[in-house]
Structure formats: structure tokens, C-alpha cells
Amino acid sequence: MDPVLEKSVVVKGMEDERCQRNAILAALYQQRLKHPDQPGITIAEFEQMLGVPKEAFEFSLWYLKEGQFVKRTDNGTHTILLSGVDLAEGVHLPAA
């Protein structure tokens, strides 16, 4: 593969992952905001919201869990943590 094309594909893949992580954070943020008594989202709900199978967003979810932005609860749902809220709010701040 052409090195320039290969780099373009890699960069596009990273941008897609970043967008997907932002979508997951935004969904969890809204869930916690609107339903503080039930802040979790299931894998099936993520699949429906993102329009892709779980294999397509497993890396993003792993990244968010390892970064301690999101956690998996005892009942199998995922919820946003304080650092995830800070990250989600920072993602949408206008550039100065």
C-alpha cells in the first residue's frame, strides 16, 4: 500500500474512533442528566444508538473504561464518571 494512502487511512480511523468515543460519552452524559436514578446504558442500547454492532465500538468503550471516564456497573450497564463528564463538557466548548 502507498505510504501516503496508508497514513491517510490510519488518521481517518483515529478520527472515527475519537468521534465514536465522543458519541458514547454524549449518550452517557445525557442518560445521567435525564435519568439520574438509572444512569446506565446497555450494550444493546449502544448498538441501537450508534447503529453498529458491539465489535465496532469495543475499542472505544475499552479506552473510556481504562481512562476512568466510564465504568461498567454490577448490572452490566455502563455509566459516565465525573472525569467523563468533564471530558464530555470540554469536547463541546467553543474554541477561543
Protein backbone atom coordinates (compact mmCIF):
# COMPACT_ATOMS: atom_id res chain seq x y z
CA MET A 1 0.00 0.00 0.00
CA ASP A 2 1.15 3.53 -0.77
CA PRO A 3 2.65 5.05 2.47
CA VAL A 4 0.73 8.32 1.99
CA LEU A 5 -2.54 6.47 1.46
CA GLU A 6 -1.79 4.17 4.40
CA LYS A 7 -1.20 7.17 6.68
CA SER A 8 -4.46 8.72 5.47
CA VAL A 9 -6.37 5.53 6.31
CA VAL A 10 -4.79 5.36 9.78
CA VAL A 11 -5.58 9.02 10.53
CA LYS A 12 -9.17 8.57 9.30
CA GLY A 13 -9.52 5.53 11.57
CA MET A 14 -8.28 7.51 14.57
CA GLU A 15 -10.65 10.36 13.82
CA ASP A 16 -13.54 7.90 13.55
CA GLU A 17 -12.62 6.36 16.92
CA ARG A 18 -12.46 9.80 18.54
CA CYS A 19 -15.89 10.66 17.14
CA GLN A 20 -17.27 7.36 18.37
CA ARG A 21 -15.87 7.93 21.88
CA ASN A 22 -17.45 11.39 21.89
CA ALA A 23 -20.80 9.88 20.85
CA ILE A 24 -20.61 7.30 23.65
CA LEU A 25 -19.73 9.99 26.20
CA ALA A 26 -22.52 12.26 24.97
CA ALA A 27 -25.06 9.43 25.25
CA LEU A 28 -23.93 8.55 28.78
CA TYR A 29 -23.89 12.23 29.77
CA GLN A 30 -27.47 12.70 28.57
CA GLN A 31 -28.59 9.48 30.26
CA ARG A 32 -27.16 10.56 33.62
CA LEU A 33 -28.58 14.07 33.22
CA LYS A 34 -32.09 12.93 32.28
CA HIS A 35 -32.28 9.75 34.39
CA PRO A 36 -30.01 10.12 37.44
CA ASP A 37 -31.75 7.17 39.11
CA GLN A 38 -30.92 4.93 36.08
CA PRO A 39 -27.74 6.38 34.57
CA GLY A 40 -26.58 3.23 32.79
CA ILE A 41 -26.76 2.20 29.14
CA THR A 42 -26.60 -1.42 27.97
CA ILE A 43 -24.50 -2.75 25.09
CA ALA A 44 -27.71 -3.39 23.12
CA GLU A 45 -28.75 0.24 23.61
CA PHE A 46 -25.32 1.41 22.41
CA GLU A 47 -25.66 -0.81 19.33
CA GLN A 48 -29.01 0.77 18.55
CA MET A 49 -27.85 4.35 19.19
CA LEU A 50 -24.59 4.04 17.26
CA GLY A 51 -26.07 1.89 14.53
CA VAL A 52 -23.21 -0.61 14.64
CA PRO A 53 -22.54 -3.98 16.30
CA LYS A 54 -20.62 -4.01 19.59
CA GLU A 55 -17.44 -5.16 17.85
CA ALA A 56 -17.35 -1.79 16.11
CA PHE A 57 -17.25 0.19 19.39
CA GLU A 58 -15.48 -2.19 21.77
CA PHE A 59 -12.18 -0.35 21.41
CA SER A 60 -13.82 2.99 22.20
CA LEU A 61 -15.55 1.55 25.26
CA TRP A 62 -12.31 -0.09 26.42
CA TYR A 63 -10.49 3.23 26.05
CA LEU A 64 -13.12 5.10 28.06
CA LYS A 65 -13.12 2.47 30.82
CA GLU A 66 -9.32 2.32 31.05
CA GLY A 67 -9.15 6.12 31.15
CA GLN A 68 -11.65 6.04 34.02
CA PHE A 69 -14.17 8.14 32.12
CA VAL A 70 -16.77 5.34 32.12
CA LYS A 71 -17.38 2.31 34.29
CA ARG A 72 -19.29 -0.92 33.90
CA THR A 73 -21.79 -1.39 36.70
CA ASP A 74 -22.72 -4.57 38.56
CA ASN A 75 -25.86 -4.94 36.42
CA GLY A 76 -23.88 -4.81 33.16
CA THR A 77 -24.67 -1.27 32.09
CA HIS A 78 -22.11 1.46 31.50
CA THR A 79 -22.23 4.83 33.24
CA ILE A 80 -20.26 8.05 32.93
CA LEU A 81 -17.91 9.05 35.75
CA LEU A 82 -17.00 12.55 36.94
CA SER A 83 -13.92 12.67 34.73
CA GLY A 84 -16.10 11.57 31.80
CA VAL A 85 -18.50 14.45 32.45
CA ASP A 86 -15.56 16.86 32.47
CA LEU A 87 -14.28 15.39 29.20
CA ALA A 88 -17.74 15.46 27.59
CA GLU A 89 -18.26 19.09 28.53
CA GLY A 90 -14.80 20.00 27.27
CA VAL A 91 -15.45 18.34 23.94
CA HIS A 92 -18.28 20.77 23.19
CA LEU A 93 -16.67 24.00 24.35
CA PRO A 94 -16.18 26.50 21.53
CA ALA A 95 -12.57 27.27 20.61
CA ALA A 96 -11.32 30.57 21.96
